[in-house]
Protein backbone atom coordinates (compact mmCIF):
# COMPACT_ATOMS: atom_id res chain seq x y z
CA MET A 1 -7.45 -15.88 30.95
CA SER A 2 -4.63 -18.39 31.27
CA SER A 3 -0.90 -18.06 31.29
CA SER A 4 1.05 -19.86 28.57
CA GLY A 5 4.60 -18.74 29.17
CA PRO A 6 6.71 -15.89 30.40
CA GLY A 7 5.18 -12.56 29.55
CA TRP A 8 2.26 -14.32 27.80
CA THR A 9 -1.44 -13.59 28.17
CA ARG A 10 -3.56 -15.97 26.22
CA CYS A 11 -7.37 -15.69 25.80
CA SER A 12 -8.88 -19.06 26.29
CA SER A 13 -12.52 -18.17 26.30
CA VAL A 14 -13.08 -18.12 22.54
CA THR A 15 -16.08 -20.43 22.56
CA ARG A 16 -18.56 -17.65 23.37
CA PHE A 17 -19.22 -14.99 20.75
CA PRO A 18 -21.58 -12.48 22.23
CA ARG A 19 -24.10 -11.00 19.80
CA SER A 20 -23.03 -7.44 20.47
CA ARG A 21 -19.53 -8.32 19.22
CA GLY A 22 -20.93 -9.91 16.05
CA PHE A 23 -23.00 -6.79 15.49
CA ALA A 24 -19.85 -4.49 16.00
CA LEU A 25 -17.82 -6.64 13.52
CA ALA A 26 -20.67 -6.84 10.99
CA GLY A 27 -21.08 -3.12 11.20
CA LEU A 28 -17.32 -2.51 10.62
CA LEU A 29 -17.41 -4.90 7.62
CA VAL A 30 -20.41 -3.07 6.00
CA LEU A 31 -18.64 0.20 6.53
CA ALA A 32 -15.40 -1.18 5.01
CA ALA A 33 -17.27 -2.51 1.98
CA ALA A 34 -19.22 0.62 1.39
CA LEU A 35 -15.87 2.49 1.12
CA ARG A 36 -14.07 -0.09 -0.97
CA VAL A 37 -16.49 -1.42 -3.50
CA PRO A 38 -17.57 1.74 -5.23
CA GLY A 39 -14.88 2.98 -7.72
CA LEU A 40 -13.29 -0.29 -8.27
CA ASP A 41 -13.77 0.15 -11.98
CA TYR A 42 -11.97 3.51 -12.00
CA GLY A 43 -9.91 4.03 -15.15
CA LEU A 44 -10.63 0.59 -16.47
CA PRO A 45 -9.55 -1.08 -18.70
CA PHE A 46 -6.31 0.78 -17.96
CA PRO A 47 -4.35 0.71 -14.72
CA LEU A 48 -4.52 4.47 -13.99
CA LEU A 49 -4.84 4.37 -10.26
CA ASN A 50 -1.26 3.08 -9.55
CA PRO A 51 1.46 2.15 -12.07
CA ASP A 52 2.40 -0.87 -9.97
CA GLU A 53 -0.69 -2.67 -11.31
CA ARG A 54 0.84 -2.72 -14.70
CA SER A 55 3.72 -4.68 -13.17
CA ILE A 56 1.64 -7.10 -11.32
CA VAL A 57 -1.55 -7.98 -12.91
CA PRO A 58 -0.14 -8.95 -16.38
CA ARG A 59 2.31 -11.27 -14.67
CA ALA A 60 -0.41 -12.92 -12.57
CA TRP A 61 -2.36 -13.34 -15.98
CA GLU A 62 0.74 -15.02 -17.48
CA LEU A 63 0.96 -17.51 -14.71
CA VAL A 64 -2.24 -19.24 -15.86
CA HIS A 65 -1.86 -18.57 -19.56
CA GLY A 66 1.18 -20.39 -20.43
CA GLY A 67 3.84 -18.24 -18.87
CA GLY A 68 4.96 -20.86 -16.28
CA LEU A 69 4.91 -20.57 -12.55
CA ASP A 70 8.13 -18.63 -12.35
CA PRO A 71 7.33 -14.82 -12.86
CA GLY A 72 10.97 -14.09 -13.50
CA TRP A 73 10.49 -10.79 -11.64
CA TYR A 74 11.29 -10.27 -7.97
CA ASP A 75 10.72 -6.63 -7.16
CA TYR A 76 8.03 -8.11 -4.82
CA PRO A 77 7.56 -11.66 -3.81
CA SER A 78 4.93 -13.83 -5.23
CA LEU A 79 2.07 -14.25 -2.81
CA LEU A 80 -0.15 -11.58 -4.46
CA LEU A 81 0.51 -12.97 -7.93
CA ALA A 82 -0.58 -16.36 -6.67
CA LEU A 83 -3.87 -14.93 -5.20
CA LEU A 84 -4.67 -12.95 -8.43
CA ALA A 85 -3.82 -15.69 -10.92
CA PRO A 86 -6.94 -18.01 -10.48
CA LEU A 87 -9.39 -15.22 -11.25
CA GLN A 88 -7.37 -14.33 -14.36
CA LEU A 89 -8.23 -17.72 -15.95
CA PRO A 90 -11.43 -16.64 -17.78
CA PHE A 91 -9.90 -13.57 -19.43
CA ASP A 92 -7.97 -13.46 -22.77
CA THR A 93 -6.10 -10.40 -21.55
CA PRO A 94 -5.14 -9.20 -18.14
CA SER A 95 -8.25 -8.22 -16.00
CA TYR A 96 -7.51 -5.36 -13.67
CA GLY A 97 -11.22 -5.47 -12.56
CA ALA A 98 -10.93 -9.07 -11.30
CA ALA A 99 -7.51 -8.19 -9.62
CA ARG A 100 -9.05 -5.17 -7.83
CA ALA A 101 -11.87 -7.25 -6.59
CA VAL A 102 -9.15 -9.45 -4.79
CA ALA A 103 -7.71 -6.30 -3.40
CA ALA A 104 -10.99 -5.02 -2.11
CA ALA A 105 -11.66 -8.43 -0.39
CA VAL A 106 -8.26 -8.33 1.15
CA GLY A 107 -8.88 -4.87 2.34
CA ILE A 108 -12.19 -5.75 3.99
CA GLY A 109 -10.64 -8.88 5.54
CA GLY A 110 -7.93 -6.53 6.91
CA VAL A 111 -10.60 -4.54 8.83
CA ALA A 112 -11.81 -7.76 10.48
CA ALA A 113 -8.18 -8.67 11.31
CA ALA A 114 -7.68 -5.21 12.81
CA TRP A 115 -10.73 -5.74 15.00
CA TRP A 116 -9.31 -9.15 16.08
CA LEU A 117 -5.97 -7.51 16.85
CA GLY A 118 -7.39 -4.77 18.96
CA ARG A 119 -9.79 -7.11 20.82
CA SER A 120 -6.87 -9.51 21.52
CA ALA A 121 -4.68 -6.81 22.74
CA TYR A 122 -6.92 -4.65 24.97
CA GLY A 123 -10.44 -5.83 24.77
CA ALA A 124 -13.75 -5.16 22.86
CA THR A 125 -13.30 -1.47 22.87
CA ALA A 126 -9.95 -1.58 21.33
CA GLY A 127 -11.31 -4.03 18.72
CA VAL A 128 -13.86 -1.59 17.63
CA LEU A 129 -11.26 1.35 17.51
CA ALA A 130 -8.78 -0.63 15.56
CA GLY A 131 -11.48 -1.96 13.05
CA ALA A 132 -12.93 1.45 12.64
CA ALA A 133 -9.51 3.16 12.14
CA CYS A 134 -8.68 0.64 9.44
CA ALA A 135 -12.16 0.87 7.80
CA VAL A 136 -12.07 4.63 7.34
CA SER A 137 -8.25 5.34 6.92
CA THR A 138 -7.85 7.08 3.71
CA VAL A 139 -4.70 5.26 2.70
CA HIS A 140 -6.31 1.88 3.52
CA VAL A 141 -9.43 2.75 1.52
CA VAL A 142 -7.55 4.02 -1.53
CA TYR A 143 -5.10 1.09 -1.59
CA SER A 144 -7.97 -1.50 -1.30
CA HIS A 145 -8.98 -0.27 -4.75
CA VAL A 146 -5.71 -1.16 -6.20
CA ALA A 147 -4.17 -4.51 -7.04
CA VAL A 148 -0.75 -3.91 -5.38
CA THR A 149 0.97 -5.44 -2.43
CA ASP A 150 0.57 -3.14 0.43
CA VAL A 151 -2.91 -3.94 1.73
CA LEU A 152 -2.04 -7.64 1.60
CA LEU A 153 1.17 -7.05 3.59
CA THR A 154 -0.92 -5.10 6.17
CA THR A 155 -3.55 -7.83 6.45
CA GLY A 156 -0.93 -10.53 6.89
CA ALA A 157 1.03 -8.49 9.50
CA THR A 158 -2.18 -7.69 11.39
CA ILE A 159 -3.12 -11.43 11.51
CA SER A 160 0.29 -12.39 12.62
CA LEU A 161 0.23 -9.98 15.53
CA ALA A 162 -3.37 -11.01 16.53
CA LEU A 163 -2.20 -14.69 16.51
CA LEU A 164 0.83 -13.72 18.54
CA LEU A 165 -1.45 -11.94 21.25
CA THR A 166 -3.75 -14.89 21.49
CA GLY A 167 -0.74 -17.27 22.29
CA ARG A 168 -0.44 -18.90 18.90
CA LEU A 169 3.14 -18.27 18.55
CA GLU A 170 3.83 -20.92 15.86
CA TRP A 171 0.94 -19.81 13.72
CA ALA A 172 2.13 -16.19 14.15
CA GLY A 173 5.36 -17.20 12.59
CA ALA A 174 3.58 -18.71 9.64
CA ALA A 175 1.46 -15.63 9.17
CA ALA A 176 4.61 -13.52 9.29
CA GLY A 177 6.06 -15.68 6.47
CA LEU A 178 2.94 -14.99 4.39
CA ALA A 179 3.31 -11.29 5.15
CA ALA A 180 6.81 -11.35 4.01
CA SER A 181 5.71 -13.23 0.86
CA ALA A 182 3.37 -10.25 0.20
CA LYS A 183 6.10 -7.71 0.51
CA TYR A 184 9.68 -8.24 1.90
CA PRO A 185 9.56 -5.79 4.90
CA GLY A 186 7.07 -8.32 6.45
CA VAL A 187 10.17 -9.93 7.85
CA LEU A 188 10.20 -7.16 10.52
CA LEU A 189 7.43 -9.08 12.27
CA ALA A 190 10.28 -11.23 13.56
CA LEU A 191 10.97 -8.61 16.28
CA PRO A 192 7.61 -8.67 18.17
CA ILE A 193 7.46 -12.43 17.78
CA LEU A 194 10.99 -12.83 19.21
CA LEU A 195 10.30 -10.42 22.10
CA VAL A 196 6.90 -11.82 23.07
CA GLY A 197 8.09 -15.37 22.87
CA TRP A 198 11.46 -14.82 24.48
CA ARG A 199 12.82 -17.88 26.08
CA GLU A 200 10.20 -20.15 24.62
CA TRP A 201 12.99 -21.39 22.26
CA ARG A 202 11.28 -24.48 20.98
CA ARG A 203 8.15 -22.53 20.01
CA LEU A 204 10.32 -19.83 18.54
CA GLY A 205 12.10 -22.41 16.49
CA LEU A 206 8.76 -23.80 15.22
CA ALA A 207 7.61 -20.16 14.44
CA ALA A 208 10.68 -19.53 12.50
CA ALA A 209 10.29 -22.87 10.54
CA GLY A 210 6.70 -22.05 9.90
CA ALA A 211 7.66 -18.61 8.65
CA ALA A 212 10.34 -20.08 6.24
CA ALA A 213 7.87 -22.76 4.97
CA ALA A 214 5.07 -20.16 4.44
CA PHE A 215 7.45 -18.03 2.45
CA LEU A 216 8.98 -20.88 0.46
CA LEU A 217 5.70 -22.33 -0.43
CA THR A 218 4.26 -19.07 -1.75
CA SER A 219 7.45 -17.37 -3.26
CA PRO A 220 9.65 -20.40 -4.13
CA PHE A 221 11.31 -18.73 -6.96
CA VAL A 222 12.60 -15.78 -4.84
CA VAL A 223 14.54 -18.53 -3.10
CA PHE A 224 15.57 -20.65 -6.17
CA HIS A 225 16.80 -17.50 -7.99
CA ALA A 226 18.21 -15.71 -4.94
CA GLY A 227 20.90 -13.92 -6.90
CA ALA A 228 18.39 -12.38 -9.31
CA ALA A 229 15.96 -11.59 -6.57
CA TRP A 230 18.68 -9.87 -4.54
CA GLU A 231 19.47 -7.60 -7.63
CA ASP A 232 15.84 -6.71 -7.99
CA VAL A 233 15.43 -5.96 -4.34
CA SER A 234 18.59 -3.95 -4.14
CA ARG A 235 17.58 -1.94 -7.18
CA VAL A 236 14.17 -1.15 -5.58
CA GLN A 237 15.93 -0.14 -2.38
CA ARG A 238 18.32 2.09 -4.08
CA LEU A 239 15.46 3.86 -5.68
CA ALA A 240 13.61 4.22 -2.44
CA ARG A 241 16.66 5.66 -0.58
CA ALA A 242 17.33 8.11 -3.52
CA GLY A 243 13.77 9.46 -3.35
CA TRP A 244 11.10 9.79 -5.92
CA LEU A 245 9.56 12.48 -8.06
CA GLY A 246 7.17 14.78 -6.09
CA PHE A 247 8.88 14.54 -2.73
CA GLU A 248 11.72 17.06 -3.29
CA ASP A 249 10.16 19.70 -1.12
CA ASP A 250 8.88 17.45 1.69
CA PRO A 251 10.16 17.87 5.31
CA ALA A 252 12.76 15.59 6.86
CA THR A 253 11.93 11.95 6.66
CA PRO A 254 10.39 11.46 10.22
CA LEU A 255 8.14 14.47 9.63
CA ALA A 256 7.13 13.37 6.13
CA PHE A 257 5.96 10.06 7.32
CA LEU A 258 4.17 11.55 10.35
CA ASP A 259 2.44 13.79 7.78
CA ARG A 260 1.44 10.66 5.81
CA LEU A 261 0.02 9.15 9.06
CA TRP A 262 -1.98 12.32 9.65
CA ASP A 263 -3.35 12.06 6.08
CA ALA A 264 -4.30 8.38 6.90
CA LEU A 265 -5.96 8.98 10.29
CA GLY A 266 -6.42 12.64 10.94
CA PRO A 267 -6.63 13.83 14.58
CA PHE A 268 -7.30 10.14 15.66
CA LEU A 269 -3.52 9.86 15.40
CA LEU A 270 -3.25 11.97 18.59
CA VAL A 271 -5.23 9.49 20.74
CA ALA A 272 -3.25 6.59 19.13
CA ALA A 273 0.06 8.34 19.94
CA ALA A 274 -0.96 8.79 23.50
CA GLY A 275 -1.84 5.03 23.68
CA LEU A 276 1.63 4.27 22.18
CA ALA A 277 3.27 6.43 24.81
CA LEU A 278 1.31 4.78 27.62
CA ALA A 279 2.21 1.31 26.24
CA LEU A 280 5.93 2.41 26.05
CA VAL A 281 6.02 3.76 29.60
CA SER A 282 4.24 0.54 30.95
CA LEU A 283 7.14 -1.50 29.55
CA VAL A 284 9.62 0.20 31.76
CA PRO A 285 10.81 -2.34 34.41
CA ARG A 286 9.15 -1.85 37.90
CA ARG A 287 10.29 -2.81 41.28
CA HIS A 288 9.26 -6.09 42.94
CA GLY A 289 8.73 -7.68 39.48
CA ILE A 290 5.35 -6.60 38.91
CA VAL A 291 3.99 -8.01 35.59
CA ARG A 292 1.64 -5.54 33.89
CA ARG A 293 -1.66 -6.95 32.63
CA HIS A 294 -1.15 -5.84 28.97
CA ARG A 295 2.66 -6.57 28.85
CA ALA A 296 2.50 -8.91 25.76
CA ALA A 297 0.15 -6.54 23.89
CA ASP A 298 2.27 -3.52 24.63
CA LEU A 299 5.49 -5.28 23.75
CA ALA A 300 4.18 -6.68 20.41
CA LEU A 301 2.53 -3.47 19.21
CA VAL A 302 5.14 -1.01 20.43
CA SER A 303 8.15 -3.01 19.07
CA PHE A 304 6.30 -3.43 15.69
CA ALA A 305 5.48 0.28 15.53
CA LEU A 306 8.94 1.30 16.40
CA VAL A 307 10.84 -1.07 14.10
CA TRP A 308 8.45 -0.28 11.18
CA PHE A 309 8.91 3.44 11.66
CA ALA A 310 12.74 2.97 11.95
CA HIS A 311 12.58 1.11 8.69
CA LEU A 312 10.73 4.02 7.04
CA LEU A 313 13.67 6.31 8.17
CA THR A 314 15.87 4.58 5.62
CA VAL A 315 13.97 5.76 2.58
CA ASN A 316 13.41 9.12 0.95
CA ALA A 317 10.43 8.21 -1.11
CA TYR A 318 7.52 9.17 1.05
CA PHE A 319 4.77 7.19 -0.40
CA ASP A 320 1.69 7.09 1.75
CA ARG A 321 1.22 3.32 1.33
CA TYR A 322 4.39 2.77 3.34
CA VAL A 323 2.66 3.67 6.50
CA LEU A 324 -0.20 1.17 5.93
CA PRO A 325 0.98 -1.51 8.32
CA LEU A 326 1.02 1.03 11.22
CA VAL A 327 -2.77 1.82 10.85
CA PRO A 328 -4.30 -1.23 12.51
CA VAL A 329 -1.55 -1.12 15.18
CA LEU A 330 -2.11 2.53 15.97
CA GLY A 331 -5.92 1.82 16.04
CA ALA A 332 -5.30 -0.91 18.55
CA LEU A 333 -3.04 1.29 20.69
CA ALA A 334 -5.73 3.97 20.72
CA GLY A 335 -7.72 1.30 22.73
CA ARG A 336 -5.08 1.43 25.43
CA LEU A 337 -7.06 4.41 26.73
CA PRO A 338 -10.72 3.12 26.91
CA ARG A 339 -11.79 6.24 28.56
CA LEU A 340 -11.00 8.17 25.39
CA ALA A 341 -12.81 5.71 23.13
CA PRO A 342 -15.89 8.01 22.49
CA LEU A 343 -13.47 10.95 21.56
CA ALA A 344 -11.50 8.58 19.40
CA LEU A 345 -14.46 7.35 17.54
CA ALA A 346 -15.65 11.02 17.02
CA LEU A 347 -12.25 11.86 15.60
CA LEU A 348 -12.53 9.12 12.98
CA VAL A 349 -15.27 11.15 11.41
CA VAL A 350 -12.46 13.21 9.86
CA PRO A 351 -10.72 10.44 7.89
CA PHE A 352 -14.10 9.07 7.18
CA VAL A 353 -15.11 12.29 5.43
CA TRP A 354 -11.85 12.39 3.61
CA SER A 355 -12.31 8.69 2.43
CA VAL A 356 -15.75 9.57 1.13
CA GLY A 357 -14.30 12.30 -0.90
CA GLU A 358 -11.63 9.92 -2.27
CA VAL A 359 -14.23 7.28 -3.19
CA ARG A 360 -16.41 9.93 -4.85
CA GLU A 361 -13.46 10.79 -7.07
CA LEU A 362 -13.11 7.17 -7.96
CA THR A 363 -16.68 6.98 -9.22
CA ARG A 364 -15.96 9.63 -11.90
CA THR A 365 -14.37 9.25 -15.37
CA ASP A 366 -10.64 9.63 -15.57
CA THR A 367 -9.44 12.42 -17.86
CA ARG A 368 -7.09 10.03 -19.45
CA LEU A 369 -9.87 7.94 -20.73
CA VAL A 370 -11.33 10.83 -22.47
CA ALA A 371 -7.89 11.64 -24.10
CA HIS A 372 -7.52 7.99 -25.09
CA ALA A 373 -10.83 7.94 -26.93
CA TRP A 374 -10.05 11.33 -28.70
CA ILE A 375 -6.65 9.94 -29.80
CA GLU A 376 -8.16 6.77 -31.10
CA GLN A 377 -10.65 8.85 -33.25
CA ASN A 378 -8.43 11.79 -34.33
CA VAL A 379 -4.78 10.57 -34.52
CA PRO A 380 -3.60 8.47 -37.49
CA SER A 381 -2.88 4.84 -36.36
CA ALA A 382 0.60 4.97 -37.92
CA ALA A 383 1.56 8.26 -36.08
CA LEU A 384 4.39 7.92 -33.63
CA VAL A 385 3.43 9.33 -30.12
CA ALA A 386 5.96 10.19 -27.46
CA VAL A 387 4.17 9.34 -24.20
CA GLU A 388 4.87 9.94 -20.48
CA SER A 389 4.21 7.41 -17.80
CA SER A 390 0.84 7.43 -16.05
CA THR A 391 -0.89 7.70 -19.41
CA PRO A 392 -3.14 5.00 -21.04
CA VAL A 393 -1.69 2.47 -23.34
CA LEU A 394 -2.03 3.59 -26.96
CA GLY A 395 -0.94 0.23 -28.56
CA PRO A 396 -0.91 -1.17 -31.08
CA ARG A 397 -0.08 2.37 -32.39
CA PRO A 398 3.66 3.07 -32.21
CA THR A 399 4.82 4.93 -29.06
CA LEU A 400 8.08 6.28 -27.67
CA GLY A 401 8.19 6.19 -23.92
CA LEU A 402 9.52 9.26 -22.06
CA GLU A 403 11.47 8.23 -18.91
CA LEU A 404 10.04 9.28 -15.48
CA PRO A 405 12.43 11.89 -13.80
CA GLY A 406 13.69 11.25 -10.38
CA PRO A 407 16.37 12.21 -7.89
CA GLY A 408 19.79 11.18 -9.09
CA ARG A 409 18.49 9.97 -12.46
CA ALA A 410 19.89 11.22 -15.70
CA ALA A 411 17.66 13.45 -17.83
CA ASP A 412 15.99 11.58 -20.63
CA PRO A 413 17.52 13.01 -23.86
CA ASN A 414 14.13 12.42 -25.58
CA ARG A 415 12.70 15.17 -23.66
CA ASP A 416 13.79 17.59 -26.45
CA LEU A 417 11.64 18.62 -29.39
CA ALA A 418 14.41 18.50 -31.91
CA ARG A 419 15.46 15.07 -30.89
CA LEU A 420 11.90 13.84 -31.03
CA ARG A 421 11.39 15.33 -34.44
CA ALA A 422 14.57 13.66 -35.61
CA ARG A 423 13.30 10.36 -34.38
CA GLY A 424 10.14 10.73 -36.29
CA ALA A 425 7.67 11.48 -33.50
CA ASP A 426 4.46 13.09 -34.71
CA TYR A 427 2.80 13.85 -31.32
CA VAL A 428 3.61 14.11 -27.64
CA LEU A 429 1.29 13.07 -24.82
CA VAL A 430 1.95 14.51 -21.44
CA THR A 431 0.00 14.59 -18.18
CA GLY A 432 -0.12 16.54 -14.91
CA ALA A 433 0.58 13.43 -12.99
CA VAL A 434 4.22 13.88 -14.04
CA ALA A 435 4.35 17.53 -15.29
CA ASP A 436 2.91 19.08 -12.20
CA ARG A 437 5.49 17.36 -10.03
CA VAL A 438 8.34 18.37 -12.25
CA LEU A 439 7.31 21.97 -12.40
CA ALA A 440 6.82 22.06 -8.58
CA ALA A 441 10.65 21.07 -8.22
CA ALA A 442 11.87 22.89 -11.50
CA ASP A 443 15.21 23.68 -9.68
CA SER A 444 15.90 19.94 -9.34
CA TYR A 445 14.63 19.13 -12.93
CA PRO A 446 15.60 22.16 -15.15
CA ARG A 447 15.86 20.33 -18.40
CA GLU A 448 12.49 18.51 -17.81
CA ALA A 449 10.75 21.69 -16.72
CA ALA A 450 12.01 23.52 -19.80
CA PHE A 451 10.53 20.71 -22.02
CA TYR A 452 6.94 21.60 -21.03
CA GLY A 453 7.69 25.25 -21.93
CA GLU A 454 9.19 24.07 -25.29
CA LEU A 455 6.09 22.17 -26.04
CA GLU A 456 3.83 25.17 -25.42
CA SER A 457 6.00 27.47 -27.65
CA GLY A 458 7.23 25.01 -30.20
CA ALA A 459 4.43 22.67 -30.90
CA GLU A 460 0.64 22.81 -31.52
CA ARG A 461 -1.42 21.81 -28.70
CA VAL A 462 -4.43 19.80 -30.21
CA LEU A 463 -6.00 18.47 -27.00
CA LEU A 464 -6.36 19.47 -23.41
CA VAL A 465 -8.48 17.52 -20.93
CA GLU A 466 -8.76 18.88 -17.39
CA PRO A 467 -10.50 17.43 -14.28
CA GLY A 468 -13.86 18.92 -13.13
CA GLY A 469 -17.49 18.09 -13.25
CA GLU A 470 -17.70 14.36 -14.06
CA LEU A 471 -14.07 14.11 -14.76
CA ALA A 472 -11.26 13.15 -12.20
CA GLY A 473 -7.58 12.59 -12.53
CA PRO A 474 -4.84 14.73 -13.85
CA TRP A 475 -4.84 17.06 -16.86
CA VAL A 476 -3.83 15.56 -20.05
CA ALA A 477 -2.40 17.42 -23.19
CA LEU A 478 -1.54 16.18 -26.67
CA TYR A 479 0.78 18.20 -28.88
CA ARG A 480 1.46 17.89 -32.67
CA LEU A 481 5.02 18.43 -33.63
């Protein structure tokens, strides 16, 4: 080990790579792939796993099919679009399968990055714990099946922290810029970089320049159209602060996100919390200027965990994917207590079993595919169908979209049978992906909840597809007006 600045601990012995470490990493990658490759074709050709795929993949396709390099849409920066675009070249229409292959590769790479982060922070045992936690975490497994930004952000943030803890401050800044180019909150990596590199002003300046260059090169139009980008980002933040359909009865924000972390890691979270507490206590100044062995690792991981959780406290939309960047960090912090490593590994069996169940569901047929096939065969092509979100695309037949309810949003006037009939609608397609959440919070959405009762009493249900057996997904119902 050699010192490279105040508070720094840099690993210089990187030329040797013991075979046991190689076996450990290989085993983690095999485990990661086994949980991420099956189920990648779930719901195809429709993006039924996550609605954000419908916003991202077609825009990536357009980049290489005459749409120009500017996506003209800045809800997210452009790094993911740039990664997805080359694999869209062979396809005449957007390929969600090709996009998900990229997502799975990024997720598997994220497991290797977590292993590297843990090993750089606290040694080989922590590397195994961090990699294993990332490999089996339910939220990491599920979102590695989906072409959205969160796993790419997590992998970029993990690489940035690992570079930071191996003394590569400038490269850590560049990786942070790429993480922010995956999703804007990646900018929060600035805090651990600043704290660990404190007083190394020249290197911090180079890190900042590298971050800015990496972001500009991969998301240039966010900068060139800063005004439009700010409007998009502000709208997304307003929606997140207002909340989202399905979270009305959740506990207070800190407890809600702790619950999401429990769902991601199970009882392993307790060991990680103990490691976090130990790292935090170790940062308390001591007499006689004693420098703790793991000071840089403690400072980087604790500061990132705290600033990320503080960021989560500003939103009321409690999506599980928002906790993803904490998973590899908490896995590494569990390695702060090497004597508890056997217990920690045993506890990871719980999220592993949960993830196996999630993947098993993804290998089944989505109910909405069955409904789509039935509609194609039995509903006249000229019939106007009112459709909820989270349903398969029925085009080229005519459709009328029903707005997704949410906190603070005005009720969609089209959720009324008389109005739908007046507008010429012949059918209404609804799904439990929306209806179950509305009915669970009926006091918050009385008009929308009444709409489902109105459908049952005032229209003819001609199709009901429910999950079970070889079918997964929400129930789907079609009503004839």
